[in-house]
Amino acid sequence: MKTAPARPRSIPLARRALIVQRVLVDKWTSAKVAAAFDVSEREVDDWVADFRRSGMTSLRRAPGKTRATLVVHRVIWRPVQEIATRLTYRLRQLLVRERLHQPLPLQRFNDDRRD
């Protein structure tokens, strides 16, 4: 079985629509569609699931770039991440005491004297 290339590539809208049609209308399996169109089975399954959730609009946008994910990222994830960062910083300050370093004694040599 072929696997999709490692680097991401852009699949045109019409091609994604045809892939979804093969699965939903023509009743092809994800593996058969993936082999025929040279994409991964996971991509096929993701596109079909997105299509079932959102319809034709899901084919036009990149997966994971829905408004809901943007709202969750901006409203929930960023503040939570900022609070976690602040908490870890404060905990480090409380738990880790910095040792006071004693200055090293300077040694004098005969060559260091100035006349």
PDB file of N, CA and C in Angstrom:
ATOM      1  N   MET A   1       0.829  -1.168   0.000  1.00  0.00           N
ATOM      2  CA  MET A   1       0.000   0.000   0.000  1.00  0.00           C
ATOM      3  C   MET A   1       0.880   1.240   0.000  1.00  0.00           C
ATOM      4  N   LYS A   2       0.548   2.202  -0.810  1.00  0.00           N
ATOM      5  CA  LYS A   2       1.312   3.444  -0.879  1.00  0.00           C
ATOM      6  C   LYS A   2       0.946   4.342   0.283  1.00  0.00           C
ATOM      7  N   THR A   3       1.913   5.096   0.729  1.00  0.00           N
ATOM      8  CA  THR A   3       1.657   6.098   1.754  1.00  0.00           C
ATOM      9  C   THR A   3       1.817   7.469   1.128  1.00  0.00           C
ATOM     10  N   ALA A   4       1.183   8.445   1.742  1.00  0.00           N
ATOM     11  CA  ALA A   4       1.267   9.812   1.233  1.00  0.00           C
ATOM     12  C   ALA A   4       2.663  10.349   1.489  1.00  0.00           C
ATOM     13  N   PRO A   5       3.118  11.302   0.680  1.00  0.00           N
ATOM     14  CA  PRO A   5       4.443  11.882   0.895  1.00  0.00           C
ATOM     15  C   PRO A   5       4.512  12.593   2.237  1.00  0.00           C
ATOM     16  N   ALA A   6       5.728  12.720   2.761  1.00  0.00           N
ATOM     17  CA  ALA A   6       5.925  13.304   4.087  1.00  0.00           C
ATOM     18  C   ALA A   6       5.630  14.795   4.107  1.00  0.00           C
ATOM     19  N   ARG A   7       5.917  15.492   3.043  1.00  0.00           N
ATOM     20  CA  ARG A   7       5.691  16.932   3.053  1.00  0.00           C
ATOM     21  C   ARG A   7       4.223  17.237   2.717  1.00  0.00           C
ATOM     22  N   PRO A   8       3.650  18.247   3.388  1.00  0.00           N
ATOM     23  CA  PRO A   8       2.263  18.577   3.125  1.00  0.00           C
ATOM     24  C   PRO A   8       2.105  19.175   1.731  1.00  0.00           C
ATOM     25  N   ARG A   9       0.975  18.922   1.130  1.00  0.00           N
ATOM     26  CA  ARG A   9       0.723  19.492  -0.185  1.00  0.00           C
ATOM     27  C   ARG A   9      -0.721  19.950  -0.240  1.00  0.00           C
ATOM     28  N   SER A  10      -1.001  20.810  -1.161  1.00  0.00           N
ATOM     29  CA  SER A  10      -2.335  21.367  -1.282  1.00  0.00           C
ATOM     30  C   SER A  10      -3.152  20.533  -2.266  1.00  0.00           C
ATOM     31  N   ILE A  11      -4.300  20.042  -1.824  1.00  0.00           N
ATOM     32  CA  ILE A  11      -5.208  19.274  -2.669  1.00  0.00           C
ATOM     33  C   ILE A  11      -6.310  20.225  -3.123  1.00  0.00           C
ATOM     34  N   PRO A  12      -6.535  20.360  -4.418  1.00  0.00           N
ATOM     35  CA  PRO A  12      -7.557  21.288  -4.903  1.00  0.00           C
ATOM     36  C   PRO A  12      -8.950  20.919  -4.401  1.00  0.00           C
ATOM     37  N   LEU A  13      -9.812  21.909  -4.352  1.00  0.00           N
ATOM     38  CA  LEU A  13     -11.176  21.749  -3.867  1.00  0.00           C
ATOM     39  C   LEU A  13     -11.922  20.670  -4.643  1.00  0.00           C
ATOM     40  N   ALA A  14     -11.832  20.696  -5.960  1.00  0.00           N
ATOM     41  CA  ALA A  14     -12.565  19.723  -6.786  1.00  0.00           C
ATOM     42  C   ALA A  14     -12.087  18.294  -6.505  1.00  0.00           C
ATOM     43  N   ARG A  15     -10.814  18.134  -6.272  1.00  0.00           N
ATOM     44  CA  ARG A  15     -10.268  16.802  -5.985  1.00  0.00           C
ATOM     45  C   ARG A  15     -10.752  16.295  -4.627  1.00  0.00           C
ATOM     46  N   ARG A  16     -10.766  17.186  -3.620  1.00  0.00           N
ATOM     47  CA  ARG A  16     -11.281  16.789  -2.318  1.00  0.00           C
ATOM     48  C   ARG A  16     -12.761  16.428  -2.396  1.00  0.00           C
ATOM     49  N   ALA A  17     -13.519  17.203  -3.176  1.00  0.00           N
ATOM     50  CA  ALA A  17     -14.949  16.907  -3.345  1.00  0.00           C
ATOM     51  C   ALA A  17     -15.144  15.549  -4.009  1.00  0.00           C
ATOM     52  N   LEU A  18     -14.322  15.242  -5.001  1.00  0.00           N
ATOM     53  CA  LEU A  18     -14.421  13.952  -5.679  1.00  0.00           C
ATOM     54  C   LEU A  18     -14.073  12.800  -4.728  1.00  0.00           C
ATOM     55  N   ILE A  19     -13.089  13.019  -3.880  1.00  0.00           N
ATOM     56  CA  ILE A  19     -12.716  11.998  -2.897  1.00  0.00           C
ATOM     57  C   ILE A  19     -13.875  11.729  -1.940  1.00  0.00           C
ATOM     58  N   VAL A  20     -14.492  12.801  -1.438  1.00  0.00           N
ATOM     59  CA  VAL A  20     -15.626  12.649  -0.526  1.00  0.00           C
ATOM     60  C   VAL A  20     -16.790  11.965  -1.241  1.00  0.00           C
ATOM     61  N   GLN A  21     -17.010  12.325  -2.502  1.00  0.00           N
ATOM     62  CA  GLN A  21     -18.085  11.702  -3.272  1.00  0.00           C
ATOM     63  C   GLN A  21     -17.852  10.204  -3.434  1.00  0.00           C
ATOM     64  N   ARG A  22     -16.628   9.817  -3.698  1.00  0.00           N
ATOM     65  CA  ARG A  22     -16.321   8.391  -3.864  1.00  0.00           C
ATOM     66  C   ARG A  22     -16.668   7.603  -2.598  1.00  0.00           C
ATOM     67  N   VAL A  23     -16.404   8.203  -1.448  1.00  0.00           N
ATOM     68  CA  VAL A  23     -16.666   7.493  -0.190  1.00  0.00           C
ATOM     69  C   VAL A  23     -18.159   7.482   0.135  1.00  0.00           C
ATOM     70  N   LEU A  24     -18.807   8.652   0.065  1.00  0.00           N
ATOM     71  CA  LEU A  24     -20.186   8.749   0.518  1.00  0.00           C
ATOM     72  C   LEU A  24     -21.205   8.259  -0.508  1.00  0.00           C
ATOM     73  N   VAL A  25     -21.012   8.597  -1.775  1.00  0.00           N
ATOM     74  CA  VAL A  25     -22.005   8.256  -2.799  1.00  0.00           C
ATOM     75  C   VAL A  25     -21.695   6.919  -3.448  1.00  0.00           C
ATOM     76  N   ASP A  26     -20.439   6.757  -3.863  1.00  0.00           N
ATOM     77  CA  ASP A  26     -20.071   5.538  -4.592  1.00  0.00           C
ATOM     78  C   ASP A  26     -19.709   4.378  -3.667  1.00  0.00           C
ATOM     79  N   LYS A  27     -19.673   4.638  -2.333  1.00  0.00           N
ATOM     80  CA  LYS A  27     -19.418   3.599  -1.317  1.00  0.00           C
ATOM     81  C   LYS A  27     -18.056   2.927  -1.446  1.00  0.00           C
ATOM     82  N   TRP A  28     -17.048   3.673  -1.868  1.00  0.00           N
ATOM     83  CA  TRP A  28     -15.692   3.140  -1.893  1.00  0.00           C
ATOM     84  C   TRP A  28     -15.170   3.136  -0.460  1.00  0.00           C
ATOM     85  N   THR A  29     -14.223   2.288  -0.183  1.00  0.00           N
ATOM     86  CA  THR A  29     -13.579   2.307   1.130  1.00  0.00           C
ATOM     87  C   THR A  29     -12.520   3.408   1.156  1.00  0.00           C
ATOM     88  N   SER A  30     -12.166   3.818   2.357  1.00  0.00           N
ATOM     89  CA  SER A  30     -11.137   4.862   2.498  1.00  0.00           C
ATOM     90  C   SER A  30      -9.807   4.397   1.922  1.00  0.00           C
ATOM     91  N   ALA A  31      -9.501   3.122   2.105  1.00  0.00           N
ATOM     92  CA  ALA A  31      -8.234   2.592   1.596  1.00  0.00           C
ATOM     93  C   ALA A  31      -8.209   2.629   0.072  1.00  0.00           C
ATOM     94  N   LYS A  32      -9.312   2.279  -0.562  1.00  0.00           N
ATOM     95  CA  LYS A  32      -9.375   2.270  -2.024  1.00  0.00           C
ATOM     96  C   LYS A  32      -9.262   3.688  -2.577  1.00  0.00           C
ATOM     97  N   VAL A  33      -9.951   4.618  -1.943  1.00  0.00           N
ATOM     98  CA  VAL A  33      -9.888   6.022  -2.386  1.00  0.00           C
ATOM     99  C   VAL A  33      -8.478   6.572  -2.179  1.00  0.00           C
ATOM    100  N   ALA A  34      -7.879   6.265  -1.035  1.00  0.00           N
ATOM    101  CA  ALA A  34      -6.527   6.757  -0.750  1.00  0.00           C
ATOM    102  C   ALA A  34      -5.535   6.246  -1.780  1.00  0.00           C
ATOM    103  N   ALA A  35      -5.678   4.981  -2.153  1.00  0.00           N
ATOM    104  CA  ALA A  35      -4.768   4.415  -3.154  1.00  0.00           C
ATOM    105  C   ALA A  35      -5.015   5.036  -4.526  1.00  0.00           C
ATOM    106  N   ALA A  36      -6.274   5.263  -4.877  1.00  0.00           N
ATOM    107  CA  ALA A  36      -6.610   5.804  -6.199  1.00  0.00           C
ATOM    108  C   ALA A  36      -6.150   7.257  -6.355  1.00  0.00           C
ATOM    109  N   PHE A  37      -6.240   8.037  -5.282  1.00  0.00           N
ATOM    110  CA  PHE A  37      -5.918   9.464  -5.371  1.00  0.00           C
ATOM    111  C   PHE A  37      -4.556   9.807  -4.771  1.00  0.00           C
ATOM    112  N   ASP A  38      -3.811   8.805  -4.318  1.00  0.00           N
ATOM    113  CA  ASP A  38      -2.475   8.998  -3.770  1.00  0.00           C
ATOM    114  C   ASP A  38      -2.459   9.968  -2.582  1.00  0.00           C
ATOM    115  N   VAL A  39      -3.369   9.726  -1.645  1.00  0.00           N
ATOM    116  CA  VAL A  39      -3.408  10.466  -0.387  1.00  0.00           C
ATOM    117  C   VAL A  39      -3.463   9.444   0.746  1.00  0.00           C
ATOM    118  N   SER A  40      -3.332   9.903   1.966  1.00  0.00           N
ATOM    119  CA  SER A  40      -3.378   8.967   3.097  1.00  0.00           C
ATOM    120  C   SER A  40      -4.827   8.675   3.477  1.00  0.00           C
ATOM    121  N   GLU A  41      -5.034   7.516   4.076  1.00  0.00           N
ATOM    122  CA  GLU A  41      -6.376   7.145   4.529  1.00  0.00           C
ATOM    123  C   GLU A  41      -6.867   8.109   5.600  1.00  0.00           C
ATOM    124  N   ARG A  42      -5.958   8.569   6.407  1.00  0.00           N
ATOM    125  CA  ARG A  42      -6.335   9.501   7.475  1.00  0.00           C
ATOM    126  C   ARG A  42      -6.902  10.796   6.894  1.00  0.00           C
ATOM    127  N   GLU A  43      -6.265  11.299   5.849  1.00  0.00           N
ATOM    128  CA  GLU A  43      -6.784  12.509   5.197  1.00  0.00           C
ATOM    129  C   GLU A  43      -8.186  12.268   4.654  1.00  0.00           C
ATOM    130  N   VAL A  44      -8.377  11.127   4.009  1.00  0.00           N
ATOM    131  CA  VAL A  44      -9.694  10.800   3.455  1.00  0.00           C
ATOM    132  C   VAL A  44     -10.725  10.762   4.578  1.00  0.00           C
ATOM    133  N   ASP A  45     -10.412  10.078   5.657  1.00  0.00           N
ATOM    134  CA  ASP A  45     -11.344   9.987   6.777  1.00  0.00           C
ATOM    135  C   ASP A  45     -11.630  11.356   7.383  1.00  0.00           C
ATOM    136  N   ASP A  46     -10.599  12.200   7.489  1.00  0.00           N
ATOM    137  CA  ASP A  46     -10.790  13.554   8.027  1.00  0.00           C
ATOM    138  C   ASP A  46     -11.703  14.383   7.130  1.00  0.00           C
ATOM    139  N   TRP A  47     -11.486  14.321   5.808  1.00  0.00           N
ATOM    140  CA  TRP A  47     -12.316  15.093   4.881  1.00  0.00           C
ATOM    141  C   TRP A  47     -13.765  14.626   4.908  1.00  0.00           C
ATOM    142  N   VAL A  48     -13.970  13.328   4.988  1.00  0.00           N
ATOM    143  CA  VAL A  48     -15.335  12.799   5.033  1.00  0.00           C
ATOM    144  C   VAL A  48     -16.017  13.222   6.332  1.00  0.00           C
ATOM    145  N   ALA A  49     -15.304  13.133   7.455  1.00  0.00           N
ATOM    146  CA  ALA A  49     -15.880  13.538   8.736  1.00  0.00           C
ATOM    147  C   ALA A  49     -16.206  15.030   8.739  1.00  0.00           C
ATOM    148  N   ASP A  50     -15.287  15.854   8.206  1.00  0.00           N
ATOM    149  CA  ASP A  50     -15.547  17.292   8.113  1.00  0.00           C
ATOM    150  C   ASP A  50     -16.746  17.571   7.217  1.00  0.00           C
ATOM    151  N   PHE A  51     -16.861  16.835   6.118  1.00  0.00           N
ATOM    152  CA  PHE A  51     -17.979  17.038   5.204  1.00  0.00           C
ATOM    153  C   PHE A  51     -19.298  16.679   5.891  1.00  0.00           C
ATOM    154  N   ARG A  52     -19.298  15.615   6.652  1.00  0.00           N
ATOM    155  CA  ARG A  52     -20.529  15.222   7.357  1.00  0.00           C
ATOM    156  C   ARG A  52     -20.911  16.261   8.406  1.00  0.00           C
ATOM    157  N   ARG A  53     -19.932  16.891   9.024  1.00  0.00           N
ATOM    158  CA  ARG A  53     -20.205  17.913  10.034  1.00  0.00           C
ATOM    159  C   ARG A  53     -20.629  19.237   9.422  1.00  0.00           C
ATOM    160  N   SER A  54     -19.899  19.697   8.402  1.00  0.00           N
ATOM    161  CA  SER A  54     -20.070  21.077   7.921  1.00  0.00           C
ATOM    162  C   SER A  54     -20.534  21.202   6.485  1.00  0.00           C
ATOM    163  N   GLY A  55     -20.621  20.128   5.751  1.00  0.00           N
ATOM    164  CA  GLY A  55     -21.074  20.206   4.361  1.00  0.00           C
ATOM    165  C   GLY A  55     -19.977  20.709   3.431  1.00  0.00           C
ATOM    166  N   MET A  56     -20.396  21.357   2.354  1.00  0.00           N
ATOM    167  CA  MET A  56     -19.466  21.803   1.311  1.00  0.00           C
ATOM    168  C   MET A  56     -18.461  22.835   1.805  1.00  0.00           C
ATOM    169  N   THR A  57     -18.821  23.596   2.823  1.00  0.00           N
ATOM    170  CA  THR A  57     -17.874  24.611   3.312  1.00  0.00           C
ATOM    171  C   THR A  57     -16.619  23.973   3.883  1.00  0.00           C
ATOM    172  N   SER A  58     -16.724  22.738   4.353  1.00  0.00           N
ATOM    173  CA  SER A  58     -15.548  22.075   4.913  1.00  0.00           C
ATOM    174  C   SER A  58     -14.491  21.809   3.857  1.00  0.00           C
ATOM    175  N   LEU A  59     -14.888  21.708   2.604  1.00  0.00           N
ATOM    176  CA  LEU A  59     -13.927  21.443   1.536  1.00  0.00           C
ATOM    177  C   LEU A  59     -13.130  22.691   1.165  1.00  0.00           C
ATOM    178  N   ARG A  60     -13.669  23.857   1.458  1.00  0.00           N
ATOM    179  CA  ARG A  60     -13.021  25.099   1.055  1.00  0.00           C
ATOM    180  C   ARG A  60     -11.930  25.555   2.014  1.00  0.00           C
ATOM    181  N   ARG A  61     -12.024  25.179   3.235  1.00  0.00           N
ATOM    182  CA  ARG A  61     -11.058  25.674   4.223  1.00  0.00           C
ATOM    183  C   ARG A  61     -10.107  24.570   4.642  1.00  0.00           C
ATOM    184  N   ALA A  62      -9.001  25.002   5.192  1.00  0.00           N
ATOM    185  CA  ALA A  62      -8.004  24.044   5.683  1.00  0.00           C
ATOM    186  C   ALA A  62      -8.548  23.341   6.916  1.00  0.00           C
ATOM    187  N   PRO A  63      -8.256  22.067   7.092  1.00  0.00           N
ATOM    188  CA  PRO A  63      -8.750  21.380   8.275  1.00  0.00           C
ATOM    189  C   PRO A  63      -8.158  21.970   9.545  1.00  0.00           C
ATOM    190  N   GLY A  64      -9.004  22.101  10.548  1.00  0.00           N
ATOM    191  CA  GLY A  64      -8.558  22.655  11.817  1.00  0.00           C
ATOM    192  C   GLY A  64      -8.617  24.171  11.874  1.00  0.00           C
ATOM    193  N   LYS A  65      -9.017  24.837  10.804  1.00  0.00           N
ATOM    194  CA  LYS A  65      -9.073  26.295  10.789  1.00  0.00           C
ATOM    195  C   LYS A  65     -10.519  26.784  10.844  1.00  0.00           C
ATOM    196  N   THR A  66     -11.351  26.134  11.613  1.00  0.00           N
ATOM    197  CA  THR A  66     -12.737  26.556  11.731  1.00  0.00           C
ATOM    198  C   THR A  66     -12.824  27.724  12.699  1.00  0.00           C
ATOM    199  N   ARG A  67     -13.943  28.395  12.690  1.00  0.00           N
ATOM    200  CA  ARG A  67     -14.125  29.511  13.619  1.00  0.00           C
ATOM    201  C   ARG A  67     -14.123  29.027  15.055  1.00  0.00           C
ATOM    202  N   ALA A  68     -14.693  27.853  15.261  1.00  0.00           N
ATOM    203  CA  ALA A  68     -14.728  27.315  16.624  1.00  0.00           C
ATOM    204  C   ALA A  68     -13.317  27.099  17.163  1.00  0.00           C
ATOM    205  N   THR A  69     -12.432  26.560  16.343  1.00  0.00           N
ATOM    206  CA  THR A  69     -11.068  26.338  16.824  1.00  0.00           C
ATOM    207  C   THR A  69     -10.341  27.654  17.078  1.00  0.00           C
ATOM    208  N   LEU A  70     -10.624  28.670  16.251  1.00  0.00           N
ATOM    209  CA  LEU A  70     -10.003  29.979  16.474  1.00  0.00           C
ATOM    210  C   LEU A  70     -10.507  30.598  17.773  1.00  0.00           C
ATOM    211  N   VAL A  71     -11.814  30.478  18.032  1.00  0.00           N
ATOM    212  CA  VAL A  71     -12.378  31.026  19.263  1.00  0.00           C
ATOM    213  C   VAL A  71     -11.810  30.305  20.473  1.00  0.00           C
ATOM    214  N   VAL A  72     -11.757  28.985  20.403  1.00  0.00           N
ATOM    215  CA  VAL A  72     -11.205  28.206  21.512  1.00  0.00           C
ATOM    216  C   VAL A  72      -9.755  28.604  21.753  1.00  0.00           C
ATOM    217  N   HIS A  73      -9.007  28.780  20.681  1.00  0.00           N
ATOM    218  CA  HIS A  73      -7.601  29.142  20.825  1.00  0.00           C
ATOM    219  C   HIS A  73      -7.442  30.513  21.467  1.00  0.00           C
ATOM    220  N   ARG A  74      -8.214  31.484  20.991  1.00  0.00           N
ATOM    221  CA  ARG A  74      -8.057  32.853  21.486  1.00  0.00           C
ATOM    222  C   ARG A  74      -8.668  33.060  22.861  1.00  0.00           C
ATOM    223  N   VAL A  75      -9.858  32.499  23.096  1.00  0.00           N
ATOM    224  CA  VAL A  75     -10.582  32.780  24.323  1.00  0.00           C
ATOM    225  C   VAL A  75     -10.150  31.860  25.469  1.00  0.00           C
ATOM    226  N   ILE A  76      -9.851  30.613  25.152  1.00  0.00           N
ATOM    227  CA  ILE A  76      -9.559  29.658  26.224  1.00  0.00           C
ATOM    228  C   ILE A  76      -8.076  29.338  26.301  1.00  0.00           C
ATOM    229  N   TRP A  77      -7.479  28.898  25.209  1.00  0.00           N
ATOM    230  CA  TRP A  77      -6.119  28.368  25.261  1.00  0.00           C
ATOM    231  C   TRP A  77      -5.078  29.429  25.612  1.00  0.00           C
ATOM    232  N   ARG A  78      -5.136  30.598  24.978  1.00  0.00           N
ATOM    233  CA  ARG A  78      -4.127  31.627  25.267  1.00  0.00           C
ATOM    234  C   ARG A  78      -4.132  32.055  26.730  1.00  0.00           C
ATOM    235  N   PRO A  79      -5.308  32.394  27.306  1.00  0.00           N
ATOM    236  CA  PRO A  79      -5.291  32.776  28.725  1.00  0.00           C
ATOM    237  C   PRO A  79      -4.820  31.654  29.644  1.00  0.00           C
ATOM    238  N   VAL A  80      -5.225  30.424  29.364  1.00  0.00           N
ATOM    239  CA  VAL A  80      -4.795  29.293  30.182  1.00  0.00           C
ATOM    240  C   VAL A  80      -3.278  29.132  30.085  1.00  0.00           C
ATOM    241  N   GLN A  81      -2.752  29.258  28.891  1.00  0.00           N
ATOM    242  CA  GLN A  81      -1.313  29.128  28.701  1.00  0.00           C
ATOM    243  C   GLN A  81      -0.563  30.248  29.434  1.00  0.00           C
ATOM    244  N   GLU A  82      -1.105  31.453  29.380  1.00  0.00           N
ATOM    245  CA  GLU A  82      -0.460  32.578  30.061  1.00  0.00           C
ATOM    246  C   GLU A  82      -0.477  32.387  31.581  1.00  0.00           C
ATOM    247  N   ILE A  83      -1.601  31.928  32.114  1.00  0.00           N
ATOM    248  CA  ILE A  83      -1.699  31.684  33.556  1.00  0.00           C
ATOM    249  C   ILE A  83      -0.723  30.576  33.970  1.00  0.00           C
ATOM    250  N   ALA A  84      -0.655  29.519  33.181  1.00  0.00           N
ATOM    251  CA  ALA A  84       0.263  28.421  33.499  1.00  0.00           C
ATOM    252  C   ALA A  84       1.708  28.902  33.476  1.00  0.00           C
ATOM    253  N   THR A  85       2.052  29.734  32.515  1.00  0.00           N
ATOM    254  CA  THR A  85       3.409  30.270  32.441  1.00  0.00           C
ATOM    255  C   THR A  85       3.737  31.110  33.669  1.00  0.00           C
ATOM    256  N   ARG A  86       2.803  31.964  34.067  1.00  0.00           N
ATOM    257  CA  ARG A  86       3.026  32.797  35.244  1.00  0.00           C
ATOM    258  C   ARG A  86       3.158  31.961  36.518  1.00  0.00           C
ATOM    259  N   LEU A  87       2.290  30.937  36.637  1.00  0.00           N
ATOM    260  CA  LEU A  87       2.351  30.078  37.817  1.00  0.00           C
ATOM    261  C   LEU A  87       3.676  29.335  37.914  1.00  0.00           C
ATOM    262  N   THR A  88       4.135  28.792  36.804  1.00  0.00           N
ATOM    263  CA  THR A  88       5.409  28.067  36.851  1.00  0.00           C
ATOM    264  C   THR A  88       6.558  29.006  37.185  1.00  0.00           C
ATOM    265  N   TYR A  89       6.499  30.222  36.682  1.00  0.00           N
ATOM    266  CA  TYR A  89       7.545  31.195  36.995  1.00  0.00           C
ATOM    267  C   TYR A  89       7.552  31.508  38.488  1.00  0.00           C
ATOM    268  N   ARG A  90       6.367  31.740  39.051  1.00  0.00           N
ATOM    269  CA  ARG A  90       6.271  32.058  40.481  1.00  0.00           C
ATOM    270  C   ARG A  90       6.696  30.875  41.348  1.00  0.00           C
ATOM    271  N   LEU A  91       6.306  29.665  40.956  1.00  0.00           N
ATOM    272  CA  LEU A  91       6.704  28.484  41.714  1.00  0.00           C
ATOM    273  C   LEU A  91       8.216  28.298  41.710  1.00  0.00           C
ATOM    274  N   ARG A  92       8.815  28.551  40.570  1.00  0.00           N
ATOM    275  CA  ARG A  92      10.280  28.461  40.520  1.00  0.00           C
ATOM    276  C   ARG A  92      10.926  29.462  41.465  1.00  0.00           C
ATOM    277  N   GLN A  93      10.353  30.667  41.497  1.00  0.00           N
ATOM    278  CA  GLN A  93      10.919  31.680  42.393  1.00  0.00           C
ATOM    279  C   GLN A  93      10.783  31.274  43.856  1.00  0.00           C
ATOM    280  N   LEU A  94       9.667  30.633  44.194  1.00  0.00           N
ATOM    281  CA  LEU A  94       9.456  30.218  45.577  1.00  0.00           C
ATOM    282  C   LEU A  94      10.286  29.006  45.963  1.00  0.00           C
ATOM    283  N   LEU A  95      10.384  28.047  45.067  1.00  0.00           N
ATOM    284  CA  LEU A  95      11.017  26.779  45.405  1.00  0.00           C
ATOM    285  C   LEU A  95      12.528  26.769  45.244  1.00  0.00           C
ATOM    286  N   VAL A  96      13.028  27.536  44.330  1.00  0.00           N
ATOM    287  CA  VAL A  96      14.463  27.509  44.052  1.00  0.00           C
ATOM    288  C   VAL A  96      15.081  28.797  44.575  1.00  0.00           C
ATOM    289  N   ARG A  97      15.806  28.626  45.653  1.00  0.00           N
ATOM    290  CA  ARG A  97      16.522  29.785  46.180  1.00  0.00           C
ATOM    291  C   ARG A  97      17.867  29.880  45.486  1.00  0.00           C
ATOM    292  N   GLU A  98      18.177  31.047  45.090  1.00  0.00           N
ATOM    293  CA  GLU A  98      19.485  31.231  44.479  1.00  0.00           C
ATOM    294  C   GLU A  98      20.516  31.405  45.586  1.00  0.00           C
ATOM    295  N   ARG A  99      21.594  30.713  45.456  1.00  0.00           N
ATOM    296  CA  ARG A  99      22.669  30.828  46.423  1.00  0.00           C
ATOM    297  C   ARG A  99      23.386  32.162  46.230  1.00  0.00           C
ATOM    298  N   LEU A 100      23.766  32.720  47.344  1.00  0.00           N
ATOM    299  CA  LEU A 100      24.567  33.929  47.256  1.00  0.00           C
ATOM    300  C   LEU A 100      25.992  33.511  46.964  1.00  0.00           C
ATOM    301  N   HIS A 101      26.497  33.993  45.911  1.00  0.00           N
ATOM    302  CA  HIS A 101      27.842  33.623  45.507  1.00  0.00           C
ATOM    303  C   HIS A 101      28.852  34.536  46.194  1.00  0.00           C
ATOM    304  N   GLN A 102      29.839  33.911  46.747  1.00  0.00           N
ATOM    305  CA  GLN A 102      30.918  34.667  47.376  1.00  0.00           C
ATOM    306  C   GLN A 102      31.910  35.060  46.288  1.00  0.00           C
ATOM    307  N   PRO A 103      32.374  36.289  46.342  1.00  0.00           N
ATOM    308  CA  PRO A 103      33.363  36.679  45.342  1.00  0.00           C
ATOM    309  C   PRO A 103      34.663  35.908  45.533  1.00  0.00           C
ATOM    310  N   LEU A 104      35.267  35.594  44.460  1.00  0.00           N
ATOM    311  CA  LEU A 104      36.539  34.875  44.511  1.00  0.00           C
ATOM    312  C   LEU A 104      37.649  35.834  44.922  1.00  0.00           C
ATOM    313  N   PRO A 105      38.532  35.377  45.790  1.00  0.00           N
ATOM    314  CA  PRO A 105      39.639  36.259  46.178  1.00  0.00           C
ATOM    315  C   PRO A 105      40.607  36.442  45.009  1.00  0.00           C
ATOM    316  N   LEU A 106      41.028  37.644  44.845  1.00  0.00           N
ATOM    317  CA  LEU A 106      41.976  37.940  43.777  1.00  0.00           C
ATOM    318  C   LEU A 106      43.390  37.644  44.264  1.00  0.00           C
ATOM    319  N   GLN A 107      44.130  37.009  43.436  1.00  0.00           N
ATOM    320  CA  GLN A 107      45.512  36.701  43.796  1.00  0.00           C
ATOM    321  C   GLN A 107      46.421  37.761  43.203  1.00  0.00           C
ATOM    322  N   ARG A 108      47.409  38.106  43.960  1.00  0.00           N
ATOM    323  CA  ARG A 108      48.364  39.089  43.463  1.00  0.00           C
ATOM    324  C   ARG A 108      49.649  38.379  43.118  1.00  0.00           C
ATOM    325  N   PHE A 109      50.162  38.777  42.010  1.00  0.00           N
ATOM    326  CA  PHE A 109      51.451  38.235  41.582  1.00  0.00           C
ATOM    327  C   PHE A 109      52.474  39.352  41.568  1.00  0.00           C
ATOM    328  N   ASN A 110      53.733  39.010  41.484  1.00  0.00           N
ATOM    329  CA  ASN A 110      54.786  40.019  41.442  1.00  0.00           C
ATOM    330  C   ASN A 110      54.660  40.898  40.201  1.00  0.00           C
ATOM    331  N   ASP A 111      54.159  40.352  39.130  1.00  0.00           N
ATOM    332  CA  ASP A 111      54.066  41.127  37.888  1.00  0.00           C
ATOM    333  C   ASP A 111      52.957  42.152  37.923  1.00  0.00           C
ATOM    334  N   ASP A 112      52.032  42.027  38.878  1.00  0.00           N
ATOM    335  CA  ASP A 112      50.879  42.917  38.915  1.00  0.00           C
ATOM    336  C   ASP A 112      51.189  44.274  39.550  1.00  0.00           C
ATOM    337  N   ARG A 113      52.309  44.374  40.229  1.00  0.00           N
ATOM    338  CA  ARG A 113      52.624  45.636  40.878  1.00  0.00           C
ATOM    339  C   ARG A 113      52.980  46.693  39.864  1.00  0.00           C
ATOM    340  N   ARG A 114      52.520  47.853  40.168  1.00  0.00           N
ATOM    341  CA  ARG A 114      52.853  48.963  39.268  1.00  0.00           C
ATOM    342  C   ARG A 114      53.797  49.935  40.002  1.00  0.00           C
ATOM    343  N   ASP A 115      54.711  50.459  39.265  1.00  0.00           N
ATOM    344  CA  ASP A 115      55.674  51.394  39.877  1.00  0.00           C
ATOM    345  C   ASP A 115      55.339  52.795  39.564  1.00  0.00           C
TER     346      ASP A 115
END
